[in-house]
Amino acid sequence: MSARQRGRWWTVAGAAGFALVSYLERTNISITGELMVPALGITKIQMGEMFTSFLIGYAVFQVPGGMAG
């Protein structure tokens, strides 16, 4: 296997790992969101802003991710 092919596999593995971690974070925060509000002393509006930050992050990186794919 050439160095170029190994680099491609590392790139794919890194992207897959990042996708997995992102999925786990989004799933965990949606499940624990109700417990986080009183524990952190934040409002439901602030919690909604946290959820929106995930949406904005995904929306911003859709085009560069598609181009890289």
PDB file of N, CA and C in Angstrom:
ATOM      1  N   MET A   1       0.862  -1.182   0.000  1.00  0.00           N
ATOM      2  CA  MET A   1       0.000   0.000   0.000  1.00  0.00           C
ATOM      3  C   MET A   1       0.905   1.240   0.000  1.00  0.00           C
ATOM      4  N   SER A   2       0.631   2.131  -0.908  1.00  0.00           N
ATOM      5  CA  SER A   2       1.465   3.324  -1.022  1.00  0.00           C
ATOM      6  C   SER A   2       1.123   4.332   0.081  1.00  0.00           C
ATOM      7  N   ALA A   3       2.011   5.293   0.236  1.00  0.00           N
ATOM      8  CA  ALA A   3       1.791   6.328   1.254  1.00  0.00           C
ATOM      9  C   ALA A   3       0.537   7.131   0.946  1.00  0.00           C
ATOM     10  N   ARG A   4       0.256   7.323  -0.333  1.00  0.00           N
ATOM     11  CA  ARG A   4      -0.946   8.079  -0.727  1.00  0.00           C
ATOM     12  C   ARG A   4      -2.221   7.331  -0.328  1.00  0.00           C
ATOM     13  N   GLN A   5      -2.236   6.027  -0.526  1.00  0.00           N
ATOM     14  CA  GLN A   5      -3.404   5.227  -0.136  1.00  0.00           C
ATOM     15  C   GLN A   5      -3.570   5.208   1.379  1.00  0.00           C
ATOM     16  N   ARG A   6      -2.471   5.102   2.109  1.00  0.00           N
ATOM     17  CA  ARG A   6      -2.560   5.135   3.577  1.00  0.00           C
ATOM     18  C   ARG A   6      -3.110   6.470   4.053  1.00  0.00           C
ATOM     19  N   GLY A   7      -2.676   7.541   3.391  1.00  0.00           N
ATOM     20  CA  GLY A   7      -3.189   8.873   3.738  1.00  0.00           C
ATOM     21  C   GLY A   7      -4.687   8.973   3.508  1.00  0.00           C
ATOM     22  N   ARG A   8      -5.154   8.379   2.428  1.00  0.00           N
ATOM     23  CA  ARG A   8      -6.592   8.391   2.150  1.00  0.00           C
ATOM     24  C   ARG A   8      -7.361   7.633   3.221  1.00  0.00           C
ATOM     25  N   TRP A   9      -6.830   6.466   3.607  1.00  0.00           N
ATOM     26  CA  TRP A   9      -7.525   5.683   4.634  1.00  0.00           C
ATOM     27  C   TRP A   9      -7.543   6.426   5.973  1.00  0.00           C
ATOM     28  N   TRP A  10      -6.450   7.107   6.315  1.00  0.00           N
ATOM     29  CA  TRP A  10      -6.427   7.889   7.557  1.00  0.00           C
ATOM     30  C   TRP A  10      -7.425   9.036   7.499  1.00  0.00           C
ATOM     31  N   THR A  11      -7.568   9.629   6.323  1.00  0.00           N
ATOM     32  CA  THR A  11      -8.541  10.709   6.151  1.00  0.00           C
ATOM     33  C   THR A  11      -9.956  10.183   6.333  1.00  0.00           C
ATOM     34  N   VAL A  12     -10.251   9.051   5.727  1.00  0.00           N
ATOM     35  CA  VAL A  12     -11.581   8.447   5.864  1.00  0.00           C
ATOM     36  C   VAL A  12     -11.836   8.044   7.317  1.00  0.00           C
ATOM     37  N   ALA A  13     -10.843   7.452   7.959  1.00  0.00           N
ATOM     38  CA  ALA A  13     -11.005   7.050   9.362  1.00  0.00           C
ATOM     39  C   ALA A  13     -11.221   8.267  10.257  1.00  0.00           C
ATOM     40  N   GLY A  14     -10.502   9.347   9.997  1.00  0.00           N
ATOM     41  CA  GLY A  14     -10.679  10.567  10.787  1.00  0.00           C
ATOM     42  C   GLY A  14     -12.057  11.174  10.600  1.00  0.00           C
ATOM     43  N   ALA A  15     -12.527  11.197   9.359  1.00  0.00           N
ATOM     44  CA  ALA A  15     -13.860  11.742   9.086  1.00  0.00           C
ATOM     45  C   ALA A  15     -14.941  10.880   9.734  1.00  0.00           C
ATOM     46  N   ALA A  16     -14.781   9.561   9.662  1.00  0.00           N
ATOM     47  CA  ALA A  16     -15.759   8.663  10.283  1.00  0.00           C
ATOM     48  C   ALA A  16     -15.746   8.834  11.806  1.00  0.00           C
ATOM     49  N   GLY A  17     -14.564   8.974  12.378  1.00  0.00           N
ATOM     50  CA  GLY A  17     -14.467   9.185  13.824  1.00  0.00           C
ATOM     51  C   GLY A  17     -15.116  10.491  14.249  1.00  0.00           C
ATOM     52  N   PHE A  18     -14.886  11.539  13.482  1.00  0.00           N
ATOM     53  CA  PHE A  18     -15.494  12.833  13.779  1.00  0.00           C
ATOM     54  C   PHE A  18     -17.014  12.756  13.684  1.00  0.00           C
ATOM     55  N   ALA A  19     -17.516  12.058  12.655  1.00  0.00           N
ATOM     56  CA  ALA A  19     -18.964  11.902  12.493  1.00  0.00           C
ATOM     57  C   ALA A  19     -19.559  11.144  13.674  1.00  0.00           C
ATOM     58  N   LEU A  20     -18.872  10.110  14.136  1.00  0.00           N
ATOM     59  CA  LEU A  20     -19.354   9.331  15.278  1.00  0.00           C
ATOM     60  C   LEU A  20     -19.401  10.177  16.548  1.00  0.00           C
ATOM     61  N   VAL A  21     -18.347  10.921  16.803  1.00  0.00           N
ATOM     62  CA  VAL A  21     -18.308  11.767  18.000  1.00  0.00           C
ATOM     63  C   VAL A  21     -19.391  12.846  17.933  1.00  0.00           C
ATOM     64  N   SER A  22     -19.577  13.442  16.777  1.00  0.00           N
ATOM     65  CA  SER A  22     -20.620  14.460  16.619  1.00  0.00           C
ATOM     66  C   SER A  22     -22.000  13.873  16.882  1.00  0.00           C
ATOM     67  N   TYR A  23     -22.241  12.678  16.357  1.00  0.00           N
ATOM     68  CA  TYR A  23     -23.528  12.019  16.575  1.00  0.00           C
ATOM     69  C   TYR A  23     -23.747  11.730  18.063  1.00  0.00           C
ATOM     70  N   LEU A  24     -22.720  11.221  18.723  1.00  0.00           N
ATOM     71  CA  LEU A  24     -22.838  10.911  20.147  1.00  0.00           C
ATOM     72  C   LEU A  24     -23.085  12.171  20.980  1.00  0.00           C
ATOM     73  N   GLU A  25     -22.394  13.251  20.660  1.00  0.00           N
ATOM     74  CA  GLU A  25     -22.599  14.504  21.397  1.00  0.00           C
ATOM     75  C   GLU A  25     -24.026  15.012  21.232  1.00  0.00           C
ATOM     76  N   ARG A  26     -24.509  14.998  19.997  1.00  0.00           N
ATOM     77  CA  ARG A  26     -25.861  15.491  19.724  1.00  0.00           C
ATOM     78  C   ARG A  26     -26.905  14.622  20.429  1.00  0.00           C
ATOM     79  N   THR A  27     -26.701  13.308  20.407  1.00  0.00           N
ATOM     80  CA  THR A  27     -27.638  12.401  21.066  1.00  0.00           C
ATOM     81  C   THR A  27     -27.606  12.587  22.581  1.00  0.00           C
ATOM     82  N   ASN A  28     -26.426  12.670  23.151  1.00  0.00           N
ATOM     83  CA  ASN A  28     -26.306  12.808  24.606  1.00  0.00           C
ATOM     84  C   ASN A  28     -26.891  14.117  25.113  1.00  0.00           C
ATOM     85  N   ILE A  29     -26.639  15.211  24.416  1.00  0.00           N
ATOM     86  CA  ILE A  29     -27.151  16.490  24.910  1.00  0.00           C
ATOM     87  C   ILE A  29     -28.670  16.556  24.776  1.00  0.00           C
ATOM     88  N   SER A  30     -29.226  15.880  23.777  1.00  0.00           N
ATOM     89  CA  SER A  30     -30.685  15.905  23.650  1.00  0.00           C
ATOM     90  C   SER A  30     -31.338  15.077  24.753  1.00  0.00           C
ATOM     91  N   ILE A  31     -30.678  14.025  25.194  1.00  0.00           N
ATOM     92  CA  ILE A  31     -31.224  13.176  26.260  1.00  0.00           C
ATOM     93  C   ILE A  31     -31.064  13.842  27.621  1.00  0.00           C
ATOM     94  N   THR A  32     -29.913  14.420  27.859  1.00  0.00           N
ATOM     95  CA  THR A  32     -29.637  14.990  29.180  1.00  0.00           C
ATOM     96  C   THR A  32     -30.011  16.466  29.299  1.00  0.00           C
ATOM     97  N   GLY A  33     -30.569  17.033  28.232  1.00  0.00           N
ATOM     98  CA  GLY A  33     -30.903  18.462  28.233  1.00  0.00           C
ATOM     99  C   GLY A  33     -31.800  18.873  29.385  1.00  0.00           C
ATOM    100  N   GLU A  34     -32.799  18.068  29.678  1.00  0.00           N
ATOM    101  CA  GLU A  34     -33.724  18.406  30.764  1.00  0.00           C
ATOM    102  C   GLU A  34     -33.034  18.409  32.120  1.00  0.00           C
ATOM    103  N   LEU A  35     -32.031  17.572  32.307  1.00  0.00           N
ATOM    104  CA  LEU A  35     -31.303  17.543  33.576  1.00  0.00           C
ATOM    105  C   LEU A  35     -30.255  18.654  33.649  1.00  0.00           C
ATOM    106  N   MET A  36     -29.781  19.091  32.495  1.00  0.00           N
ATOM    107  CA  MET A  36     -28.753  20.124  32.466  1.00  0.00           C
ATOM    108  C   MET A  36     -29.300  21.506  32.812  1.00  0.00           C
ATOM    109  N   VAL A  37     -30.555  21.764  32.450  1.00  0.00           N
ATOM    110  CA  VAL A  37     -31.128  23.099  32.670  1.00  0.00           C
ATOM    111  C   VAL A  37     -31.062  23.491  34.149  1.00  0.00           C
ATOM    112  N   PRO A  38     -31.613  22.698  35.071  1.00  0.00           N
ATOM    113  CA  PRO A  38     -31.521  23.126  36.475  1.00  0.00           C
ATOM    114  C   PRO A  38     -30.107  22.999  37.052  1.00  0.00           C
ATOM    115  N   ALA A  39     -29.349  22.002  36.603  1.00  0.00           N
ATOM    116  CA  ALA A  39     -28.013  21.800  37.158  1.00  0.00           C
ATOM    117  C   ALA A  39     -27.073  22.950  36.809  1.00  0.00           C
ATOM    118  N   LEU A  40     -27.216  23.499  35.605  1.00  0.00           N
ATOM    119  CA  LEU A  40     -26.347  24.593  35.177  1.00  0.00           C
ATOM    120  C   LEU A  40     -26.940  25.964  35.452  1.00  0.00           C
ATOM    121  N   GLY A  41     -28.209  25.989  35.848  1.00  0.00           N
ATOM    122  CA  GLY A  41     -28.866  27.259  36.125  1.00  0.00           C
ATOM    123  C   GLY A  41     -29.117  28.071  34.869  1.00  0.00           C
ATOM    124  N   ILE A  42     -29.434  27.399  33.778  1.00  0.00           N
ATOM    125  CA  ILE A  42     -29.709  28.102  32.531  1.00  0.00           C
ATOM    126  C   ILE A  42     -31.196  27.990  32.203  1.00  0.00           C
ATOM    127  N   THR A  43     -31.643  28.834  31.304  1.00  0.00           N
ATOM    128  CA  THR A  43     -33.053  28.811  30.913  1.00  0.00           C
ATOM    129  C   THR A  43     -33.238  27.860  29.736  1.00  0.00           C
ATOM    130  N   LYS A  44     -34.477  27.554  29.443  1.00  0.00           N
ATOM    131  CA  LYS A  44     -34.764  26.697  28.289  1.00  0.00           C
ATOM    132  C   LYS A  44     -34.401  27.404  26.989  1.00  0.00           C
ATOM    133  N   ILE A  45     -34.480  28.719  26.989  1.00  0.00           N
ATOM    134  CA  ILE A  45     -34.075  29.480  25.797  1.00  0.00           C
ATOM    135  C   ILE A  45     -32.573  29.308  25.559  1.00  0.00           C
ATOM    136  N   GLN A  46     -31.785  29.382  26.609  1.00  0.00           N
ATOM    137  CA  GLN A  46     -30.343  29.178  26.466  1.00  0.00           C
ATOM    138  C   GLN A  46     -30.032  27.752  26.016  1.00  0.00           C
ATOM    139  N   MET A  47     -30.810  26.800  26.506  1.00  0.00           N
ATOM    140  CA  MET A  47     -30.620  25.416  26.076  1.00  0.00           C
ATOM    141  C   MET A  47     -30.943  25.292  24.593  1.00  0.00           C
ATOM    142  N   GLY A  48     -31.978  25.973  24.144  1.00  0.00           N
ATOM    143  CA  GLY A  48     -32.312  25.992  22.722  1.00  0.00           C
ATOM    144  C   GLY A  48     -31.203  26.591  21.892  1.00  0.00           C
ATOM    145  N   GLU A  49     -30.533  27.599  22.427  1.00  0.00           N
ATOM    146  CA  GLU A  49     -29.404  28.199  21.719  1.00  0.00           C
ATOM    147  C   GLU A  49     -28.257  27.195  21.578  1.00  0.00           C
ATOM    148  N   MET A  50     -28.075  26.358  22.580  1.00  0.00           N
ATOM    149  CA  MET A  50     -27.051  25.311  22.471  1.00  0.00           C
ATOM    150  C   MET A  50     -27.399  24.327  21.367  1.00  0.00           C
ATOM    151  N   PHE A  51     -28.664  23.939  21.293  1.00  0.00           N
ATOM    152  CA  PHE A  51     -29.087  23.042  20.228  1.00  0.00           C
ATOM    153  C   PHE A  51     -28.922  23.705  18.867  1.00  0.00           C
ATOM    154  N   THR A  52     -29.195  24.996  18.794  1.00  0.00           N
ATOM    155  CA  THR A  52     -29.048  25.730  17.535  1.00  0.00           C
ATOM    156  C   THR A  52     -27.590  25.799  17.108  1.00  0.00           C
ATOM    157  N   SER A  53     -26.676  25.841  18.065  1.00  0.00           N
ATOM    158  CA  SER A  53     -25.255  25.876  17.700  1.00  0.00           C
ATOM    159  C   SER A  53     -24.851  24.617  16.945  1.00  0.00           C
ATOM    160  N   PHE A  54     -25.446  23.467  17.277  1.00  0.00           N
ATOM    161  CA  PHE A  54     -25.181  22.253  16.509  1.00  0.00           C
ATOM    162  C   PHE A  54     -25.700  22.414  15.087  1.00  0.00           C
ATOM    163  N   LEU A  55     -26.906  22.945  14.952  1.00  0.00           N
ATOM    164  CA  LEU A  55     -27.504  23.136  13.634  1.00  0.00           C
ATOM    165  C   LEU A  55     -26.646  24.057  12.775  1.00  0.00           C
ATOM    166  N   ILE A  56     -26.194  25.157  13.349  1.00  0.00           N
ATOM    167  CA  ILE A  56     -25.380  26.117  12.594  1.00  0.00           C
ATOM    168  C   ILE A  56     -24.057  25.470  12.185  1.00  0.00           C
ATOM    169  N   GLY A  57     -23.461  24.725  13.107  1.00  0.00           N
ATOM    170  CA  GLY A  57     -22.208  24.039  12.787  1.00  0.00           C
ATOM    171  C   GLY A  57     -22.357  23.076  11.629  1.00  0.00           C
ATOM    172  N   TYR A  58     -23.415  22.294  11.631  1.00  0.00           N
ATOM    173  CA  TYR A  58     -23.645  21.362  10.531  1.00  0.00           C
ATOM    174  C   TYR A  58     -23.933  22.116   9.240  1.00  0.00           C
ATOM    175  N   ALA A  59     -24.727  23.153   9.293  1.00  0.00           N
ATOM    176  CA  ALA A  59     -25.092  23.911   8.091  1.00  0.00           C
ATOM    177  C   ALA A  59     -23.868  24.567   7.467  1.00  0.00           C
ATOM    178  N   VAL A  60     -22.990  25.129   8.280  1.00  0.00           N
ATOM    179  CA  VAL A  60     -21.820  25.827   7.770  1.00  0.00           C
ATOM    180  C   VAL A  60     -20.862  24.843   7.072  1.00  0.00           C
ATOM    181  N   PHE A  61     -20.725  23.644   7.615  1.00  0.00           N
ATOM    182  CA  PHE A  61     -19.738  22.706   7.067  1.00  0.00           C
ATOM    183  C   PHE A  61     -20.308  21.737   6.044  1.00  0.00           C
ATOM    184  N   GLN A  62     -21.572  21.869   5.655  1.00  0.00           N
ATOM    185  CA  GLN A  62     -22.139  21.000   4.635  1.00  0.00           C
ATOM    186  C   GLN A  62     -21.483  21.214   3.277  1.00  0.00           C
ATOM    187  N   VAL A  63     -21.315  22.451   2.871  1.00  0.00           N
ATOM    188  CA  VAL A  63     -20.740  22.732   1.549  1.00  0.00           C
ATOM    189  C   VAL A  63     -19.265  22.306   1.486  1.00  0.00           C
ATOM    190  N   PRO A  64     -18.401  22.723   2.435  1.00  0.00           N
ATOM    191  CA  PRO A  64     -17.017  22.264   2.347  1.00  0.00           C
ATOM    192  C   PRO A  64     -16.896  20.742   2.466  1.00  0.00           C
ATOM    193  N   GLY A  65     -17.749  20.143   3.300  1.00  0.00           N
ATOM    194  CA  GLY A  65     -17.707  18.683   3.431  1.00  0.00           C
ATOM    195  C   GLY A  65     -18.115  17.996   2.152  1.00  0.00           C
ATOM    196  N   GLY A  66     -19.123  18.531   1.490  1.00  0.00           N
ATOM    197  CA  GLY A  66     -19.553  17.969   0.209  1.00  0.00           C
ATOM    198  C   GLY A  66     -18.480  18.115  -0.858  1.00  0.00           C
ATOM    199  N   MET A  67     -17.821  19.264  -0.869  1.00  0.00           N
ATOM    200  CA  MET A  67     -16.754  19.472  -1.846  1.00  0.00           C
ATOM    201  C   MET A  67     -15.570  18.538  -1.575  1.00  0.00           C
ATOM    202  N   ALA A  68     -15.264  18.313  -0.304  1.00  0.00           N
ATOM    203  CA  ALA A  68     -14.156  17.416   0.042  1.00  0.00           C
ATOM    204  C   ALA A  68     -14.507  15.970  -0.322  1.00  0.00           C
ATOM    205  N   GLY A  69     -15.801  15.633  -0.179  1.00  0.00           N
ATOM    206  CA  GLY A  69     -16.234  14.274  -0.521  1.00  0.00           C
ATOM    207  C   GLY A  69     -16.143  14.028  -1.981  1.00  0.00           C
TER     208      GLY A  69
END
